[in-house]
């Protein structure tokens, strides 16, 4: 069996309107909101680099000039190309589909720009890439325990079966895992998808139907930074976790 090639490219979803983060996002796009002294987008790109990503595509729509200017000043890996969605917001799936020519023909990582967590002993993206098995998986998600994720008050997203296979949360039930905003996908999954705007949930549901959606439990703590109040809580948690000098 041939060895699975390394995953070196990522797509970072940075085009959203960030409505729940208002009033901060009236003048600052959510990916540039700072938590613990760095923009959320930089936290995501740093995590990507630590996990072996050398090239990243970042999409822009809302306050696009600010994001373009920000990534243009980065001097550390990964190398960044911007996918321009100024004319039309394409949602998560449509945004990735538009950028496929920039991502190449191999599996790649998709990051939410606000994916933010405290690491365990090892890079969670590195663990995700190591767990990727294209023979059995169409999509592999990083998932976090619903009960221990800071700033999250929903009912969860997924139940995990043997070997890491995922199923959607049943109605009126609480699921043990939430999507932590990082996934590995195959570009071929976009072949039979709508033109224009659509959600990545379409691909997640197709993979579930095929028995090929899998998850890896995050080792560390996921911090849901969805509102201005959540920033304060996340920064307090980061400070509490910092090693004492």
C-alpha atoms as a PDB file:
ATOM      1  CA  UNK A   1       0.000   0.000   0.000  1.00  0.00           C
ATOM      2  CA  UNK A   2       1.389   3.413  -0.951  1.00  0.00           C
ATOM      3  CA  UNK A   3       2.076   5.848   1.857  1.00  0.00           C
ATOM      4  CA  UNK A   4      -0.440   8.656   2.309  1.00  0.00           C
ATOM      5  CA  UNK A   5       1.213  11.904   1.127  1.00  0.00           C
ATOM      6  CA  UNK A   6       1.600  14.668   3.731  1.00  0.00           C
ATOM      7  CA  UNK A   7      -1.086  17.339   3.960  1.00  0.00           C
ATOM      8  CA  UNK A   8       0.540  20.728   3.423  1.00  0.00           C
ATOM      9  CA  UNK A   9      -2.302  23.021   2.285  1.00  0.00           C
ATOM     10  CA  UNK A  10      -5.111  24.645   4.228  1.00  0.00           C
ATOM     11  CA  UNK A  11      -8.111  26.873   3.602  1.00  0.00           C
ATOM     12  CA  UNK A  12      -9.022  29.383   6.330  1.00  0.00           C
ATOM     13  CA  UNK A  13     -12.611  30.645   6.419  1.00  0.00           C
ATOM     14  CA  UNK A  14     -12.269  34.367   7.149  1.00  0.00           C
ATOM     15  CA  UNK A  15     -15.081  35.930   5.091  1.00  0.00           C
ATOM     16  CA  UNK A  16     -17.979  35.851   7.572  1.00  0.00           C
ATOM     17  CA  UNK A  17     -19.844  38.868   8.967  1.00  0.00           C
ATOM     18  CA  UNK A  18     -19.249  38.070  12.660  1.00  0.00           C
ATOM     19  CA  UNK A  19     -22.685  39.341  13.677  1.00  0.00           C
ATOM     20  CA  UNK A  20     -22.637  37.774  17.157  1.00  0.00           C
ATOM     21  CA  UNK A  21     -19.397  39.619  17.930  1.00  0.00           C
ATOM     22  CA  UNK A  22     -20.932  43.079  17.461  1.00  0.00           C
ATOM     23  CA  UNK A  23     -20.280  45.877  18.295  1.00  0.00           C
ATOM     24  CA  UNK A  24     -16.605  44.910  17.995  1.00  0.00           C
ATOM     25  CA  UNK A  25     -17.099  43.672  14.419  1.00  0.00           C
ATOM     26  CA  UNK A  26     -18.651  46.942  13.271  1.00  0.00           C
ATOM     27  CA  UNK A  27     -15.093  48.099  12.553  1.00  0.00           C
ATOM     28  CA  UNK A  28     -12.934  44.966  12.928  1.00  0.00           C
ATOM     29  CA  UNK A  29     -13.609  41.694  11.076  1.00  0.00           C
ATOM     30  CA  UNK A  30     -13.995  38.776  13.473  1.00  0.00           C
ATOM     31  CA  UNK A  31     -10.800  37.014  12.300  1.00  0.00           C
ATOM     32  CA  UNK A  32      -8.822  40.077  13.440  1.00  0.00           C
ATOM     33  CA  UNK A  33     -10.407  40.271  16.897  1.00  0.00           C
ATOM     34  CA  UNK A  34      -7.607  39.780  19.414  1.00  0.00           C
ATOM     35  CA  UNK A  35      -7.563  37.107  22.104  1.00  0.00           C
ATOM     36  CA  UNK A  36      -4.556  36.925  24.421  1.00  0.00           C
ATOM     37  CA  UNK A  37      -2.675  39.508  22.385  1.00  0.00           C
ATOM     38  CA  UNK A  38      -3.043  37.956  18.927  1.00  0.00           C
ATOM     39  CA  UNK A  39      -5.702  38.025  16.262  1.00  0.00           C
ATOM     40  CA  UNK A  40      -7.873  34.914  16.031  1.00  0.00           C
ATOM     41  CA  UNK A  41      -6.684  34.510  12.431  1.00  0.00           C
ATOM     42  CA  UNK A  42      -3.054  34.456  13.562  1.00  0.00           C
ATOM     43  CA  UNK A  43      -3.837  31.858  16.214  1.00  0.00           C
ATOM     44  CA  UNK A  44      -5.352  29.664  13.453  1.00  0.00           C
ATOM     45  CA  UNK A  45      -2.469  30.229  11.032  1.00  0.00           C
ATOM     46  CA  UNK A  46       0.091  29.510  13.761  1.00  0.00           C
ATOM     47  CA  UNK A  47      -1.699  26.243  14.586  1.00  0.00           C
ATOM     48  CA  UNK A  48      -1.649  25.399  10.872  1.00  0.00           C
ATOM     49  CA  UNK A  49       2.092  25.964  10.636  1.00  0.00           C
ATOM     50  CA  UNK A  50       2.727  23.871  13.753  1.00  0.00           C
ATOM     51  CA  UNK A  51       0.773  21.037  12.116  1.00  0.00           C
ATOM     52  CA  UNK A  52       2.888  21.037   8.955  1.00  0.00           C
ATOM     53  CA  UNK A  53       0.887  23.374   6.712  1.00  0.00           C
ATOM     54  CA  UNK A  54       3.144  25.345   4.359  1.00  0.00           C
ATOM     55  CA  UNK A  55       0.529  27.028   2.139  1.00  0.00           C
ATOM     56  CA  UNK A  56      -2.803  28.553   3.179  1.00  0.00           C
ATOM     57  CA  UNK A  57      -5.656  30.157   1.288  1.00  0.00           C
ATOM     58  CA  UNK A  58      -7.609  32.787   3.252  1.00  0.00           C
ATOM     59  CA  UNK A  59     -10.970  33.961   1.905  1.00  0.00           C
ATOM     60  CA  UNK A  60     -12.184  37.531   2.380  1.00  0.00           C
ATOM     61  CA  UNK A  61     -15.508  39.365   2.061  1.00  0.00           C
ATOM     62  CA  UNK A  62     -16.461  41.543   5.048  1.00  0.00           C
ATOM     63  CA  UNK A  63     -13.882  44.305   5.704  1.00  0.00           C
ATOM     64  CA  UNK A  64     -11.711  42.440   3.220  1.00  0.00           C
ATOM     65  CA  UNK A  65      -9.071  45.165   2.913  1.00  0.00           C
ATOM     66  CA  UNK A  66      -8.237  44.875   6.605  1.00  0.00           C
ATOM     67  CA  UNK A  67      -7.726  41.105   6.409  1.00  0.00           C
ATOM     68  CA  UNK A  68      -5.660  41.376   3.216  1.00  0.00           C
ATOM     69  CA  UNK A  69      -3.461  44.001   4.830  1.00  0.00           C
ATOM     70  CA  UNK A  70      -3.043  41.917   7.959  1.00  0.00           C
ATOM     71  CA  UNK A  71      -1.993  38.682   6.260  1.00  0.00           C
ATOM     72  CA  UNK A  72       0.292  40.658   3.954  1.00  0.00           C
ATOM     73  CA  UNK A  73       2.341  41.665   6.999  1.00  0.00           C
ATOM     74  CA  UNK A  74       2.875  38.116   8.281  1.00  0.00           C
ATOM     75  CA  UNK A  75       6.456  36.953   7.908  1.00  0.00           C
ATOM     76  CA  UNK A  76       6.073  33.415   9.229  1.00  0.00           C
ATOM     77  CA  UNK A  77       4.667  30.224   7.730  1.00  0.00           C
ATOM     78  CA  UNK A  78       2.392  29.362   6.111  1.00  0.00           C
ATOM     79  CA  UNK A  79       2.640  31.225   2.806  1.00  0.00           C
ATOM     80  CA  UNK A  80      -0.746  32.874   2.172  1.00  0.00           C
ATOM     81  CA  UNK A  81      -2.892  33.437  -0.910  1.00  0.00           C
ATOM     82  CA  UNK A  82      -6.164  35.392  -0.673  1.00  0.00           C
ATOM     83  CA  UNK A  83      -9.404  34.117  -2.239  1.00  0.00           C
ATOM     84  CA  UNK A  84     -11.530  37.184  -2.972  1.00  0.00           C
ATOM     85  CA  UNK A  85     -15.249  36.925  -2.219  1.00  0.00           C
ATOM     86  CA  UNK A  86     -15.957  40.655  -2.130  1.00  0.00           C
ATOM     87  CA  UNK A  87     -18.655  40.335  -4.808  1.00  0.00           C
ATOM     88  CA  UNK A  88     -20.621  37.574  -3.082  1.00  0.00           C
ATOM     89  CA  UNK A  89     -20.406  35.764   0.233  1.00  0.00           C
ATOM     90  CA  UNK A  90     -20.293  32.052  -0.600  1.00  0.00           C
ATOM     91  CA  UNK A  91     -20.731  30.450   2.848  1.00  0.00           C
ATOM     92  CA  UNK A  92     -18.398  27.709   4.020  1.00  0.00           C
ATOM     93  CA  UNK A  93     -18.821  25.195   1.199  1.00  0.00           C
ATOM     94  CA  UNK A  94     -19.034  27.673  -1.638  1.00  0.00           C
ATOM     95  CA  UNK A  95     -15.994  29.522  -0.349  1.00  0.00           C
ATOM     96  CA  UNK A  96     -13.885  26.375  -0.375  1.00  0.00           C
ATOM     97  CA  UNK A  97     -15.198  25.368  -3.805  1.00  0.00           C
ATOM     98  CA  UNK A  98     -14.208  28.721  -5.319  1.00  0.00           C
ATOM     99  CA  UNK A  99     -10.685  28.276  -3.963  1.00  0.00           C
ATOM    100  CA  UNK A 100     -10.144  24.688  -5.183  1.00  0.00           C
ATOM    101  CA  UNK A 101      -7.837  25.794  -8.052  1.00  0.00           C
ATOM    102  CA  UNK A 102      -5.568  27.322  -5.397  1.00  0.00           C
ATOM    103  CA  UNK A 103      -5.625  24.218  -3.187  1.00  0.00           C
ATOM    104  CA  UNK A 104      -4.570  21.553  -5.691  1.00  0.00           C
ATOM    105  CA  UNK A 105      -5.738  17.981  -6.107  1.00  0.00           C
ATOM    106  CA  UNK A 106      -4.759  16.492  -2.737  1.00  0.00           C
ATOM    107  CA  UNK A 107      -6.699  16.459   0.559  1.00  0.00           C
ATOM    108  CA  UNK A 108      -6.419  19.698   2.526  1.00  0.00           C
ATOM    109  CA  UNK A 109      -7.338  21.165   5.898  1.00  0.00           C
ATOM    110  CA  UNK A 110     -10.198  23.616   6.410  1.00  0.00           C
ATOM    111  CA  UNK A 111      -9.991  25.956   9.422  1.00  0.00           C
ATOM    112  CA  UNK A 112     -12.599  28.276  10.821  1.00  0.00           C
ATOM    113  CA  UNK A 113     -10.737  31.537  11.419  1.00  0.00           C
ATOM    114  CA  UNK A 114     -11.975  31.506  15.013  1.00  0.00           C
ATOM    115  CA  UNK A 115     -10.848  27.934  15.753  1.00  0.00           C
ATOM    116  CA  UNK A 116      -9.152  28.444  19.094  1.00  0.00           C
ATOM    117  CA  UNK A 117      -7.999  25.927  21.665  1.00  0.00           C
ATOM    118  CA  UNK A 118      -5.380  25.233  24.290  1.00  0.00           C
ATOM    119  CA  UNK A 119      -3.087  22.459  23.118  1.00  0.00           C
ATOM    120  CA  UNK A 120      -2.376  19.254  24.967  1.00  0.00           C
ATOM    121  CA  UNK A 121       1.085  17.657  24.815  1.00  0.00           C
ATOM    122  CA  UNK A 122       1.060  17.434  20.995  1.00  0.00           C
ATOM    123  CA  UNK A 123      -0.200  19.541  18.103  1.00  0.00           C
ATOM    124  CA  UNK A 124      -3.850  18.658  17.547  1.00  0.00           C
ATOM    125  CA  UNK A 125      -3.545  19.404  13.844  1.00  0.00           C
ATOM    126  CA  UNK A 126      -0.520  17.111  13.708  1.00  0.00           C
ATOM    127  CA  UNK A 127      -2.605  14.407  15.394  1.00  0.00           C
ATOM    128  CA  UNK A 128      -5.443  15.003  12.920  1.00  0.00           C
ATOM    129  CA  UNK A 129      -3.135  14.682   9.918  1.00  0.00           C
ATOM    130  CA  UNK A 130      -1.583  11.516  11.379  1.00  0.00           C
ATOM    131  CA  UNK A 131      -5.053  10.002  11.879  1.00  0.00           C
ATOM    132  CA  UNK A 132      -6.191  10.757   8.324  1.00  0.00           C
ATOM    133  CA  UNK A 133      -6.964   7.615   6.309  1.00  0.00           C
ATOM    134  CA  UNK A 134      -8.264   8.382   2.794  1.00  0.00           C
ATOM    135  CA  UNK A 135      -9.042   4.710   2.233  1.00  0.00           C
ATOM    136  CA  UNK A 136     -11.785   4.763   4.884  1.00  0.00           C
ATOM    137  CA  UNK A 137     -12.563   8.477   5.326  1.00  0.00           C
ATOM    138  CA  UNK A 138     -13.999  11.190   3.132  1.00  0.00           C
ATOM    139  CA  UNK A 139     -13.810  13.800   5.894  1.00  0.00           C
ATOM    140  CA  UNK A 140     -12.072  13.842   9.279  1.00  0.00           C
ATOM    141  CA  UNK A 141     -13.186  16.435  11.849  1.00  0.00           C
ATOM    142  CA  UNK A 142     -11.467  17.674  14.971  1.00  0.00           C
ATOM    143  CA  UNK A 143     -14.138  17.441  17.660  1.00  0.00           C
ATOM    144  CA  UNK A 144     -14.206  18.632  21.261  1.00  0.00           C
ATOM    145  CA  UNK A 145     -16.163  17.386  24.276  1.00  0.00           C
ATOM    146  CA  UNK A 146     -19.389  19.369  24.569  1.00  0.00           C
ATOM    147  CA  UNK A 147     -19.380  19.391  28.369  1.00  0.00           C
ATOM    148  CA  UNK A 148     -15.918  20.871  28.888  1.00  0.00           C
ATOM    149  CA  UNK A 149     -15.714  23.408  26.037  1.00  0.00           C
ATOM    150  CA  UNK A 150     -15.521  26.948  27.362  1.00  0.00           C
ATOM    151  CA  UNK A 151     -18.090  29.435  26.050  1.00  0.00           C
ATOM    152  CA  UNK A 152     -20.280  26.838  24.343  1.00  0.00           C
ATOM    153  CA  UNK A 153     -23.886  26.473  25.471  1.00  0.00           C
ATOM    154  CA  UNK A 154     -25.430  24.366  22.698  1.00  0.00           C
ATOM    155  CA  UNK A 155     -26.484  20.721  22.600  1.00  0.00           C
ATOM    156  CA  UNK A 156     -23.466  19.432  20.677  1.00  0.00           C
ATOM    157  CA  UNK A 157     -23.129  18.219  17.109  1.00  0.00           C
ATOM    158  CA  UNK A 158     -22.051  14.597  16.910  1.00  0.00           C
ATOM    159  CA  UNK A 159     -22.000  11.200  18.566  1.00  0.00           C
ATOM    160  CA  UNK A 160     -18.897   9.091  17.953  1.00  0.00           C
ATOM    161  CA  UNK A 161     -19.042   5.380  17.289  1.00  0.00           C
ATOM    162  CA  UNK A 162     -16.383   2.706  17.145  1.00  0.00           C
ATOM    163  CA  UNK A 163     -13.230   3.720  15.348  1.00  0.00           C
ATOM    164  CA  UNK A 164     -14.213   7.391  15.416  1.00  0.00           C
ATOM    165  CA  UNK A 165     -17.135   7.300  12.979  1.00  0.00           C
ATOM    166  CA  UNK A 166     -19.508  10.226  13.518  1.00  0.00           C
ATOM    167  CA  UNK A 167     -23.295  10.543  13.458  1.00  0.00           C
ATOM    168  CA  UNK A 168     -25.421  13.677  13.842  1.00  0.00           C
ATOM    169  CA  UNK A 169     -26.987  14.523  17.171  1.00  0.00           C
ATOM    170  CA  UNK A 170     -30.480  13.076  17.469  1.00  0.00           C
ATOM    171  CA  UNK A 171     -33.310  15.553  17.923  1.00  0.00           C
ATOM    172  CA  UNK A 172     -33.908  16.660  21.538  1.00  0.00           C
ATOM    173  CA  UNK A 173     -30.715  14.940  22.667  1.00  0.00           C
ATOM    174  CA  UNK A 174     -27.374  16.306  23.817  1.00  0.00           C
ATOM    175  CA  UNK A 175     -24.425  15.041  21.790  1.00  0.00           C
ATOM    176  CA  UNK A 176     -21.046  14.440  23.456  1.00  0.00           C
ATOM    177  CA  UNK A 177     -18.982  16.211  20.797  1.00  0.00           C
ATOM    178  CA  UNK A 178     -18.944  19.537  18.985  1.00  0.00           C
ATOM    179  CA  UNK A 179     -17.152  20.413  15.768  1.00  0.00           C
ATOM    180  CA  UNK A 180     -13.989  22.294  16.728  1.00  0.00           C
ATOM    181  CA  UNK A 181     -13.696  24.083  13.396  1.00  0.00           C
ATOM    182  CA  UNK A 182     -10.919  22.041  11.757  1.00  0.00           C
ATOM    183  CA  UNK A 183     -11.442  19.360   9.101  1.00  0.00           C
ATOM    184  CA  UNK A 184      -9.574  17.380   6.463  1.00  0.00           C
ATOM    185  CA  UNK A 185     -11.463  17.048   3.170  1.00  0.00           C
ATOM    186  CA  UNK A 186     -10.941  15.556  -0.264  1.00  0.00           C
ATOM    187  CA  UNK A 187     -11.315  18.016  -3.154  1.00  0.00           C
ATOM    188  CA  UNK A 188     -13.325  15.467  -5.133  1.00  0.00           C
ATOM    189  CA  UNK A 189     -16.205  15.839  -2.670  1.00  0.00           C
ATOM    190  CA  UNK A 190     -17.052  19.176  -4.292  1.00  0.00           C
ATOM    191  CA  UNK A 191     -17.678  17.711  -7.755  1.00  0.00           C
ATOM    192  CA  UNK A 192     -21.454  17.377  -7.329  1.00  0.00           C
ATOM    193  CA  UNK A 193     -22.203  20.485  -5.272  1.00  0.00           C
ATOM    194  CA  UNK A 194     -24.256  23.626  -5.960  1.00  0.00           C
ATOM    195  CA  UNK A 195     -22.849  26.668  -7.715  1.00  0.00           C
ATOM    196  CA  UNK A 196     -22.657  29.685  -5.448  1.00  0.00           C
ATOM    197  CA  UNK A 197     -23.286  29.651  -1.717  1.00  0.00           C
ATOM    198  CA  UNK A 198     -23.726  26.430   0.286  1.00  0.00           C
ATOM    199  CA  UNK A 199     -22.641  25.020   3.633  1.00  0.00           C
ATOM    200  CA  UNK A 200     -19.966  22.412   4.320  1.00  0.00           C
ATOM    201  CA  UNK A 201     -22.699  20.640   6.270  1.00  0.00           C
ATOM    202  CA  UNK A 202     -23.891  19.307   2.905  1.00  0.00           C
ATOM    203  CA  UNK A 203     -20.602  17.404   2.572  1.00  0.00           C
ATOM    204  CA  UNK A 204     -20.649  16.330   6.213  1.00  0.00           C
ATOM    205  CA  UNK A 205     -24.119  14.821   5.759  1.00  0.00           C
ATOM    206  CA  UNK A 206     -23.127  13.059   2.532  1.00  0.00           C
ATOM    207  CA  UNK A 207     -20.108  11.569   4.290  1.00  0.00           C
ATOM    208  CA  UNK A 208     -22.311  10.384   7.174  1.00  0.00           C
ATOM    209  CA  UNK A 209     -24.670   8.703   4.704  1.00  0.00           C
ATOM    210  CA  UNK A 210     -21.680   6.893   3.181  1.00  0.00           C
ATOM    211  CA  UNK A 211     -20.300   5.918   6.608  1.00  0.00           C
ATOM    212  CA  UNK A 212     -17.170   7.954   5.895  1.00  0.00           C
ATOM    213  CA  UNK A 213     -17.344  10.909   8.306  1.00  0.00           C
ATOM    214  CA  UNK A 214     -14.878  10.452  11.165  1.00  0.00           C
ATOM    215  CA  UNK A 215     -13.771  12.483  14.154  1.00  0.00           C
ATOM    216  CA  UNK A 216     -10.690  12.857  16.335  1.00  0.00           C
ATOM    217  CA  UNK A 217     -11.109  14.074  19.903  1.00  0.00           C
ATOM    218  CA  UNK A 218      -9.204  17.257  20.667  1.00  0.00           C
ATOM    219  CA  UNK A 219      -6.527  16.828  23.316  1.00  0.00           C
ATOM    220  CA  UNK A 220      -6.622  20.077  25.303  1.00  0.00           C
ATOM    221  CA  UNK A 221      -9.504  22.520  25.667  1.00  0.00           C
ATOM    222  CA  UNK A 222     -11.614  24.135  22.986  1.00  0.00           C
ATOM    223  CA  UNK A 223     -12.543  27.772  23.571  1.00  0.00           C
ATOM    224  CA  UNK A 224     -15.632  29.023  21.740  1.00  0.00           C
ATOM    225  CA  UNK A 225     -14.991  32.700  21.035  1.00  0.00           C
ATOM    226  CA  UNK A 226     -18.371  33.708  19.622  1.00  0.00           C
ATOM    227  CA  UNK A 227     -19.290  36.850  21.542  1.00  0.00           C
ATOM    228  CA  UNK A 228     -17.496  39.827  23.157  1.00  0.00           C
ATOM    229  CA  UNK A 229     -18.126  38.258  26.577  1.00  0.00           C
ATOM    230  CA  UNK A 230     -16.461  35.033  25.430  1.00  0.00           C
ATOM    231  CA  UNK A 231     -13.227  36.909  24.721  1.00  0.00           C
ATOM    232  CA  UNK A 232     -12.880  37.792  28.397  1.00  0.00           C
ATOM    233  CA  UNK A 233     -13.511  34.199  29.472  1.00  0.00           C
ATOM    234  CA  UNK A 234     -11.080  32.813  26.883  1.00  0.00           C
ATOM    235  CA  UNK A 235      -8.320  35.213  27.905  1.00  0.00           C
ATOM    236  CA  UNK A 236      -8.791  34.289  31.552  1.00  0.00           C
ATOM    237  CA  UNK A 237      -8.510  30.596  30.657  1.00  0.00           C
ATOM    238  CA  UNK A 238      -5.371  31.194  28.585  1.00  0.00           C
ATOM    239  CA  UNK A 239      -3.812  33.134  31.469  1.00  0.00           C
ATOM    240  CA  UNK A 240      -4.712  30.411  33.966  1.00  0.00           C
ATOM    241  CA  UNK A 241      -3.108  27.749  31.752  1.00  0.00           C
ATOM    242  CA  UNK A 242       0.159  29.621  31.218  1.00  0.00           C
ATOM    243  CA  UNK A 243       3.134  27.957  32.857  1.00  0.00           C
ATOM    244  CA  UNK A 244       4.453  29.729  35.928  1.00  0.00           C
ATOM    245  CA  UNK A 245       7.954  31.097  35.190  1.00  0.00           C
END
